[in-house]
Amino acid sequence: MRMTAPPPASEVARDPARHFASSVDELFEYSLRYLDPSDMVGLSIHTVDNQQHKPVGLSFRRRVRISREVLWSVLEKVT
C-alpha cells in the first residue's frame, strides 16, 4: 500500500470525522501489511495525561483474526 498525499485543508475542515476514520484505516493497513497470517499482534492505547485510566487494548491474536471492525471496537472504548 502506498501512502497518499494529505487531502486539501478545506476537505479536512468539511468532514474531519471522515478524514480521521480514513487516516486510521490507512495506518491500520500500513502497519499490518508485511505480517504473515500466523504472526501475533496486539494493541494497547492509554492516555499520558491521566495515569489512573487503565489502558484499552486488543489482546494478542493472530493477524488473520484482526480486522478493521475489531480495531474500531477498541477505539470506540477509548472515545
PDB file of N, CA and C in Angstrom:
ATOM      1  N   MET A   1       0.831  -1.172   0.000  1.00  0.00           N
ATOM      2  CA  MET A   1       0.000   0.000   0.000  1.00  0.00           C
ATOM      3  C   MET A   1       0.876   1.236   0.000  1.00  0.00           C
ATOM      4  N   ARG A   2       0.568   2.166  -0.849  1.00  0.00           N
ATOM      5  CA  ARG A   2       1.318   3.404  -0.945  1.00  0.00           C
ATOM      6  C   ARG A   2       0.571   4.478  -0.174  1.00  0.00           C
ATOM      7  N   MET A   3       1.317   5.213   0.650  1.00  0.00           N
ATOM      8  CA  MET A   3       0.699   6.294   1.415  1.00  0.00           C
ATOM      9  C   MET A   3       0.357   7.430   0.453  1.00  0.00           C
ATOM     10  N   THR A   4      -0.819   7.997   0.613  1.00  0.00           N
ATOM     11  CA  THR A   4      -1.260   9.065  -0.263  1.00  0.00           C
ATOM     12  C   THR A   4      -0.944  10.415   0.349  1.00  0.00           C
ATOM     13  N   ALA A   5      -0.964  11.421  -0.493  1.00  0.00           N
ATOM     14  CA  ALA A   5      -0.733  12.784  -0.025  1.00  0.00           C
ATOM     15  C   ALA A   5      -1.916  13.220   0.840  1.00  0.00           C
ATOM     16  N   PRO A   6      -1.663  14.090   1.795  1.00  0.00           N
ATOM     17  CA  PRO A   6      -2.772  14.553   2.640  1.00  0.00           C
ATOM     18  C   PRO A   6      -3.804  15.308   1.804  1.00  0.00           C
ATOM     19  N   PRO A   7      -5.050  15.237   2.201  1.00  0.00           N
ATOM     20  CA  PRO A   7      -6.086  15.950   1.450  1.00  0.00           C
ATOM     21  C   PRO A   7      -5.965  17.449   1.669  1.00  0.00           C
ATOM     22  N   PRO A   8      -6.574  18.223   0.798  1.00  0.00           N
ATOM     23  CA  PRO A   8      -6.558  19.685   0.997  1.00  0.00           C
ATOM     24  C   PRO A   8      -7.185  20.051   2.337  1.00  0.00           C
ATOM     25  N   ALA A   9      -6.704  21.109   2.939  1.00  0.00           N
ATOM     26  CA  ALA A   9      -7.197  21.540   4.249  1.00  0.00           C
ATOM     27  C   ALA A   9      -8.704  21.783   4.223  1.00  0.00           C
ATOM     28  N   SER A  10      -9.216  22.275   3.114  1.00  0.00           N
ATOM     29  CA  SER A  10     -10.650  22.542   3.038  1.00  0.00           C
ATOM     30  C   SER A  10     -11.462  21.255   3.136  1.00  0.00           C
ATOM     31  N   GLU A  11     -10.945  20.159   2.576  1.00  0.00           N
ATOM     32  CA  GLU A  11     -11.642  18.869   2.657  1.00  0.00           C
ATOM     33  C   GLU A  11     -11.656  18.356   4.094  1.00  0.00           C
ATOM     34  N   VAL A  12     -10.543  18.496   4.800  1.00  0.00           N
ATOM     35  CA  VAL A  12     -10.451  18.075   6.193  1.00  0.00           C
ATOM     36  C   VAL A  12     -11.403  18.911   7.044  1.00  0.00           C
ATOM     37  N   ALA A  13     -11.435  20.208   6.803  1.00  0.00           N
ATOM     38  CA  ALA A  13     -12.316  21.094   7.567  1.00  0.00           C
ATOM     39  C   ALA A  13     -13.785  20.761   7.330  1.00  0.00           C
ATOM     40  N   ARG A  14     -14.125  20.324   6.116  1.00  0.00           N
ATOM     41  CA  ARG A  14     -15.513  19.993   5.799  1.00  0.00           C
ATOM     42  C   ARG A  14     -15.981  18.736   6.504  1.00  0.00           C
ATOM     43  N   ASP A  15     -15.102  17.739   6.605  1.00  0.00           N
ATOM     44  CA  ASP A  15     -15.507  16.463   7.201  1.00  0.00           C
ATOM     45  C   ASP A  15     -14.350  15.857   7.993  1.00  0.00           C
ATOM     46  N   PRO A  16     -14.034  16.425   9.158  1.00  0.00           N
ATOM     47  CA  PRO A  16     -12.891  15.932   9.928  1.00  0.00           C
ATOM     48  C   PRO A  16     -13.064  14.493  10.420  1.00  0.00           C
ATOM     49  N   ALA A  17     -14.295  14.084  10.719  1.00  0.00           N
ATOM     50  CA  ALA A  17     -14.517  12.707  11.197  1.00  0.00           C
ATOM     51  C   ALA A  17     -14.179  11.701  10.101  1.00  0.00           C
ATOM     52  N   ARG A  18     -14.594  11.982   8.885  1.00  0.00           N
ATOM     53  CA  ARG A  18     -14.278  11.078   7.775  1.00  0.00           C
ATOM     54  C   ARG A  18     -12.774  11.036   7.526  1.00  0.00           C
ATOM     55  N   HIS A  19     -12.136  12.200   7.630  1.00  0.00           N
ATOM     56  CA  HIS A  19     -10.681  12.250   7.444  1.00  0.00           C
ATOM     57  C   HIS A  19      -9.976  11.426   8.520  1.00  0.00           C
ATOM     58  N   PHE A  20     -10.419  11.563   9.778  1.00  0.00           N
ATOM     59  CA  PHE A  20      -9.832  10.793  10.870  1.00  0.00           C
ATOM     60  C   PHE A  20     -10.007   9.291  10.634  1.00  0.00           C
ATOM     61  N   ALA A  21     -11.228   8.867  10.304  1.00  0.00           N
ATOM     62  CA  ALA A  21     -11.505   7.444  10.082  1.00  0.00           C
ATOM     63  C   ALA A  21     -10.671   6.901   8.927  1.00  0.00           C
ATOM     64  N   SER A  22     -10.566   7.652   7.869  1.00  0.00           N
ATOM     65  CA  SER A  22      -9.765   7.230   6.718  1.00  0.00           C
ATOM     66  C   SER A  22      -8.292   7.108   7.097  1.00  0.00           C
ATOM     67  N   SER A  23      -7.793   8.055   7.890  1.00  0.00           N
ATOM     68  CA  SER A  23      -6.394   8.024   8.327  1.00  0.00           C
ATOM     69  C   SER A  23      -6.112   6.816   9.209  1.00  0.00           C
ATOM     70  N   VAL A  24      -7.034   6.504  10.118  1.00  0.00           N
ATOM     71  CA  VAL A  24      -6.857   5.341  10.996  1.00  0.00           C
ATOM     72  C   VAL A  24      -6.865   4.060  10.168  1.00  0.00           C
ATOM     73  N   ASP A  25      -7.802   3.943   9.231  1.00  0.00           N
ATOM     74  CA  ASP A  25      -7.850   2.753   8.369  1.00  0.00           C
ATOM     75  C   ASP A  25      -6.556   2.589   7.577  1.00  0.00           C
ATOM     76  N   GLU A  26      -6.057   3.692   7.052  1.00  0.00           N
ATOM     77  CA  GLU A  26      -4.824   3.642   6.267  1.00  0.00           C
ATOM     78  C   GLU A  26      -3.635   3.247   7.139  1.00  0.00           C
ATOM     79  N   LEU A  27      -3.553   3.788   8.341  1.00  0.00           N
ATOM     80  CA  LEU A  27      -2.484   3.430   9.275  1.00  0.00           C
ATOM     81  C   LEU A  27      -2.572   1.961   9.669  1.00  0.00           C
ATOM     82  N   PHE A  28      -3.785   1.484   9.900  1.00  0.00           N
ATOM     83  CA  PHE A  28      -4.021   0.082  10.244  1.00  0.00           C
ATOM     84  C   PHE A  28      -3.490  -0.833   9.138  1.00  0.00           C
ATOM     85  N   GLU A  29      -3.876  -0.560   7.918  1.00  0.00           N
ATOM     86  CA  GLU A  29      -3.425  -1.377   6.785  1.00  0.00           C
ATOM     87  C   GLU A  29      -1.908  -1.287   6.610  1.00  0.00           C
ATOM     88  N   TYR A  30      -1.364  -0.105   6.756  1.00  0.00           N
ATOM     89  CA  TYR A  30       0.074   0.102   6.607  1.00  0.00           C
ATOM     90  C   TYR A  30       0.857  -0.689   7.657  1.00  0.00           C
ATOM     91  N   SER A  31       0.401  -0.668   8.896  1.00  0.00           N
ATOM     92  CA  SER A  31       1.140  -1.327   9.980  1.00  0.00           C
ATOM     93  C   SER A  31       1.092  -2.850   9.892  1.00  0.00           C
ATOM     94  N   LEU A  32       0.091  -3.412   9.222  1.00  0.00           N
ATOM     95  CA  LEU A  32      -0.051  -4.863   9.157  1.00  0.00           C
ATOM     96  C   LEU A  32       0.348  -5.460   7.806  1.00  0.00           C
ATOM     97  N   ARG A  33       0.795  -4.651   6.897  1.00  0.00           N
ATOM     98  CA  ARG A  33       0.980  -5.099   5.510  1.00  0.00           C
ATOM     99  C   ARG A  33       1.995  -6.219   5.315  1.00  0.00           C
ATOM    100  N   TYR A  34       3.044  -6.288   6.117  1.00  0.00           N
ATOM    101  CA  TYR A  34       4.070  -7.310   5.899  1.00  0.00           C
ATOM    102  C   TYR A  34       3.969  -8.495   6.859  1.00  0.00           C
ATOM    103  N   LEU A  35       2.916  -8.571   7.625  1.00  0.00           N
ATOM    104  CA  LEU A  35       2.785  -9.655   8.587  1.00  0.00           C
ATOM    105  C   LEU A  35       2.226 -10.915   7.931  1.00  0.00           C
ATOM    106  N   ASP A  36       2.697 -12.037   8.410  1.00  0.00           N
ATOM    107  CA  ASP A  36       2.138 -13.319   7.972  1.00  0.00           C
ATOM    108  C   ASP A  36       0.846 -13.565   8.738  1.00  0.00           C
ATOM    109  N   PRO A  37      -0.072 -14.341   8.166  1.00  0.00           N
ATOM    110  CA  PRO A  37      -1.340 -14.612   8.843  1.00  0.00           C
ATOM    111  C   PRO A  37      -1.176 -15.201  10.243  1.00  0.00           C
ATOM    112  N   SER A  38      -0.080 -15.916  10.481  1.00  0.00           N
ATOM    113  CA  SER A  38       0.117 -16.547  11.785  1.00  0.00           C
ATOM    114  C   SER A  38       0.858 -15.657  12.783  1.00  0.00           C
ATOM    115  N   ASP A  39       1.333 -14.482  12.375  1.00  0.00           N
ATOM    116  CA  ASP A  39       2.014 -13.563  13.292  1.00  0.00           C
ATOM    117  C   ASP A  39       1.052 -13.085  14.364  1.00  0.00           C
ATOM    118  N   MET A  40       1.579 -12.890  15.558  1.00  0.00           N
ATOM    119  CA  MET A  40       0.770 -12.424  16.687  1.00  0.00           C
ATOM    120  C   MET A  40       0.861 -10.902  16.776  1.00  0.00           C
ATOM    121  N   VAL A  41      -0.290 -10.261  16.990  1.00  0.00           N
ATOM    122  CA  VAL A  41      -0.369  -8.804  17.037  1.00  0.00           C
ATOM    123  C   VAL A  41      -1.213  -8.397  18.237  1.00  0.00           C
ATOM    124  N   GLY A  42      -0.819  -7.327  18.903  1.00  0.00           N
ATOM    125  CA  GLY A  42      -1.599  -6.764  19.998  1.00  0.00           C
ATOM    126  C   GLY A  42      -1.561  -5.251  19.917  1.00  0.00           C
ATOM    127  N   LEU A  43      -2.457  -4.614  20.633  1.00  0.00           N
ATOM    128  CA  LEU A  43      -2.562  -3.158  20.594  1.00  0.00           C
ATOM    129  C   LEU A  43      -2.919  -2.659  21.979  1.00  0.00           C
ATOM    130  N   SER A  44      -2.254  -1.604  22.416  1.00  0.00           N
ATOM    131  CA  SER A  44      -2.556  -1.004  23.712  1.00  0.00           C
ATOM    132  C   SER A  44      -2.602   0.512  23.536  1.00  0.00           C
ATOM    133  N   ILE A  45      -3.681   1.126  24.042  1.00  0.00           N
ATOM    134  CA  ILE A  45      -3.853   2.570  23.946  1.00  0.00           C
ATOM    135  C   ILE A  45      -4.075   3.092  25.347  1.00  0.00           C
ATOM    136  N   HIS A  46      -3.322   4.132  25.694  1.00  0.00           N
ATOM    137  CA  HIS A  46      -3.517   4.740  27.006  1.00  0.00           C
ATOM    138  C   HIS A  46      -3.286   6.241  26.902  1.00  0.00           C
ATOM    139  N   THR A  47      -3.732   6.942  27.908  1.00  0.00           N
ATOM    140  CA  THR A  47      -3.533   8.381  27.937  1.00  0.00           C
ATOM    141  C   THR A  47      -2.358   8.720  28.847  1.00  0.00           C
ATOM    142  N   VAL A  48      -1.506   9.614  28.389  1.00  0.00           N
ATOM    143  CA  VAL A  48      -0.369  10.011  29.216  1.00  0.00           C
ATOM    144  C   VAL A  48      -0.775  11.085  30.208  1.00  0.00           C
ATOM    145  N   ASP A  49      -1.921  11.730  29.977  1.00  0.00           N
ATOM    146  CA  ASP A  49      -2.381  12.797  30.866  1.00  0.00           C
ATOM    147  C   ASP A  49      -2.991  12.270  32.154  1.00  0.00           C
ATOM    148  N   ASN A  50      -3.584  11.095  32.105  1.00  0.00           N
ATOM    149  CA  ASN A  50      -4.249  10.548  33.284  1.00  0.00           C
ATOM    150  C   ASN A  50      -3.818   9.099  33.466  1.00  0.00           C
ATOM    151  N   GLN A  51      -2.828   8.892  34.298  1.00  0.00           N
ATOM    152  CA  GLN A  51      -2.273   7.553  34.502  1.00  0.00           C
ATOM    153  C   GLN A  51      -3.206   6.648  35.299  1.00  0.00           C
ATOM    154  N   GLN A  52      -4.288   7.195  35.865  1.00  0.00           N
ATOM    155  CA  GLN A  52      -5.232   6.371  36.612  1.00  0.00           C
ATOM    156  C   GLN A  52      -6.149   5.584  35.688  1.00  0.00           C
ATOM    157  N   HIS A  53      -6.282   6.018  34.445  1.00  0.00           N
ATOM    158  CA  HIS A  53      -7.083   5.254  33.489  1.00  0.00           C
ATOM    159  C   HIS A  53      -6.322   4.016  33.055  1.00  0.00           C
ATOM    160  N   LYS A  54      -7.004   2.917  33.003  1.00  0.00           N
ATOM    161  CA  LYS A  54      -6.378   1.682  32.541  1.00  0.00           C
ATOM    162  C   LYS A  54      -6.223   1.730  31.023  1.00  0.00           C
ATOM    163  N   PRO A  55      -5.159   1.123  30.501  1.00  0.00           N
ATOM    164  CA  PRO A  55      -5.021   1.059  29.045  1.00  0.00           C
ATOM    165  C   PRO A  55      -6.166   0.248  28.435  1.00  0.00           C
ATOM    166  N   VAL A  56      -6.545   0.633  27.260  1.00  0.00           N
ATOM    167  CA  VAL A  56      -7.535  -0.103  26.486  1.00  0.00           C
ATOM    168  C   VAL A  56      -6.758  -0.789  25.381  1.00  0.00           C
ATOM    169  N   GLY A  57      -7.076  -2.036  25.105  1.00  0.00           N
ATOM    170  CA  GLY A  57      -6.273  -2.709  24.110  1.00  0.00           C
ATOM    171  C   GLY A  57      -6.936  -3.882  23.453  1.00  0.00           C
ATOM    172  N   LEU A  58      -6.185  -4.416  22.560  1.00  0.00           N
ATOM    173  CA  LEU A  58      -6.559  -5.587  21.785  1.00  0.00           C
ATOM    174  C   LEU A  58      -5.586  -6.675  22.196  1.00  0.00           C
ATOM    175  N   SER A  59      -6.094  -7.740  22.772  1.00  0.00           N
ATOM    176  CA  SER A  59      -5.204  -8.807  23.225  1.00  0.00           C
ATOM    177  C   SER A  59      -4.460  -9.419  22.040  1.00  0.00           C
ATOM    178  N   PHE A  60      -3.335 -10.013  22.339  1.00  0.00           N
ATOM    179  CA  PHE A  60      -2.561 -10.634  21.262  1.00  0.00           C
ATOM    180  C   PHE A  60      -3.386 -11.717  20.591  1.00  0.00           C
ATOM    181  N   ARG A  61      -3.363 -11.670  19.284  1.00  0.00           N
ATOM    182  CA  ARG A  61      -4.066 -12.671  18.478  1.00  0.00           C
ATOM    183  C   ARG A  61      -3.382 -12.765  17.130  1.00  0.00           C
ATOM    184  N   ARG A  62      -3.701 -13.805  16.406  1.00  0.00           N
ATOM    185  CA  ARG A  62      -3.098 -13.984  15.085  1.00  0.00           C
ATOM    186  C   ARG A  62      -3.577 -12.893  14.136  1.00  0.00           C
ATOM    187  N   ARG A  63      -2.714 -12.542  13.214  1.00  0.00           N
ATOM    188  CA  ARG A  63      -3.017 -11.483  12.240  1.00  0.00           C
ATOM    189  C   ARG A  63      -4.339 -11.745  11.513  1.00  0.00           C
ATOM    190  N   VAL A  64      -4.613 -12.989  11.171  1.00  0.00           N
ATOM    191  CA  VAL A  64      -5.834 -13.300  10.432  1.00  0.00           C
ATOM    192  C   VAL A  64      -7.096 -13.023  11.255  1.00  0.00           C
ATOM    193  N   ARG A  65      -6.957 -12.851  12.566  1.00  0.00           N
ATOM    194  CA  ARG A  65      -8.119 -12.607  13.427  1.00  0.00           C
ATOM    195  C   ARG A  65      -8.295 -11.129  13.761  1.00  0.00           C
ATOM    196  N   ILE A  66      -7.513 -10.258  13.111  1.00  0.00           N
ATOM    197  CA  ILE A  66      -7.630  -8.824  13.339  1.00  0.00           C
ATOM    198  C   ILE A  66      -8.231  -8.185  12.096  1.00  0.00           C
ATOM    199  N   SER A  67      -9.244  -7.364  12.319  1.00  0.00           N
ATOM    200  CA  SER A  67      -9.893  -6.675  11.210  1.00  0.00           C
ATOM    201  C   SER A  67     -10.117  -5.215  11.589  1.00  0.00           C
ATOM    202  N   ARG A  68     -10.526  -4.430  10.626  1.00  0.00           N
ATOM    203  CA  ARG A  68     -10.861  -3.037  10.915  1.00  0.00           C
ATOM    204  C   ARG A  68     -11.970  -2.945  11.966  1.00  0.00           C
ATOM    205  N   GLU A  69     -12.938  -3.843  11.875  1.00  0.00           N
ATOM    206  CA  GLU A  69     -14.045  -3.824  12.823  1.00  0.00           C
ATOM    207  C   GLU A  69     -13.560  -4.050  14.254  1.00  0.00           C
ATOM    208  N   VAL A  70     -12.612  -4.973  14.420  1.00  0.00           N
ATOM    209  CA  VAL A  70     -12.054  -5.250  15.748  1.00  0.00           C
ATOM    210  C   VAL A  70     -11.308  -4.018  16.247  1.00  0.00           C
ATOM    211  N   LEU A  71     -10.496  -3.417  15.392  1.00  0.00           N
ATOM    212  CA  LEU A  71      -9.747  -2.225  15.775  1.00  0.00           C
ATOM    213  C   LEU A  71     -10.696  -1.088  16.159  1.00  0.00           C
ATOM    214  N   TRP A  72     -11.733  -0.847  15.372  1.00  0.00           N
ATOM    215  CA  TRP A  72     -12.673   0.231  15.669  1.00  0.00           C
ATOM    216  C   TRP A  72     -13.450  -0.029  16.954  1.00  0.00           C
ATOM    217  N   SER A  73     -13.713  -1.269  17.280  1.00  0.00           N
ATOM    218  CA  SER A  73     -14.415  -1.545  18.544  1.00  0.00           C
ATOM    219  C   SER A  73     -13.533  -1.157  19.726  1.00  0.00           C
ATOM    220  N   VAL A  74     -12.222  -1.343  19.603  1.00  0.00           N
ATOM    221  CA  VAL A  74     -11.296  -0.925  20.661  1.00  0.00           C
ATOM    222  C   VAL A  74     -11.244   0.600  20.729  1.00  0.00           C
ATOM    223  N   LEU A  75     -11.143   1.257  19.589  1.00  0.00           N
ATOM    224  CA  LEU A  75     -11.074   2.722  19.574  1.00  0.00           C
ATOM    225  C   LEU A  75     -12.362   3.348  20.114  1.00  0.00           C
ATOM    226  N   GLU A  76     -13.489   2.722  19.890  1.00  0.00           N
ATOM    227  CA  GLU A  76     -14.755   3.240  20.420  1.00  0.00           C
ATOM    228  C   GLU A  76     -14.751   3.236  21.948  1.00  0.00           C
ATOM    229  N   LYS A  77     -14.066   2.274  22.543  1.00  0.00           N
ATOM    230  CA  LYS A  77     -13.984   2.230  24.004  1.00  0.00           C
ATOM    231  C   LYS A  77     -13.191   3.420  24.527  1.00  0.00           C
ATOM    232  N   VAL A  78     -12.207   3.853  23.775  1.00  0.00           N
ATOM    233  CA  VAL A  78     -11.373   4.986  24.194  1.00  0.00           C
ATOM    234  C   VAL A  78     -12.166   6.275  24.101  1.00  0.00           C
ATOM    235  N   THR A  79     -12.952   6.390  23.063  1.00  0.00           N
ATOM    236  CA  THR A  79     -13.711   7.632  22.877  1.00  0.00           C
ATOM    237  C   THR A  79     -14.918   7.640  23.755  1.00  0.00           C
TER     238      THR A  79
END
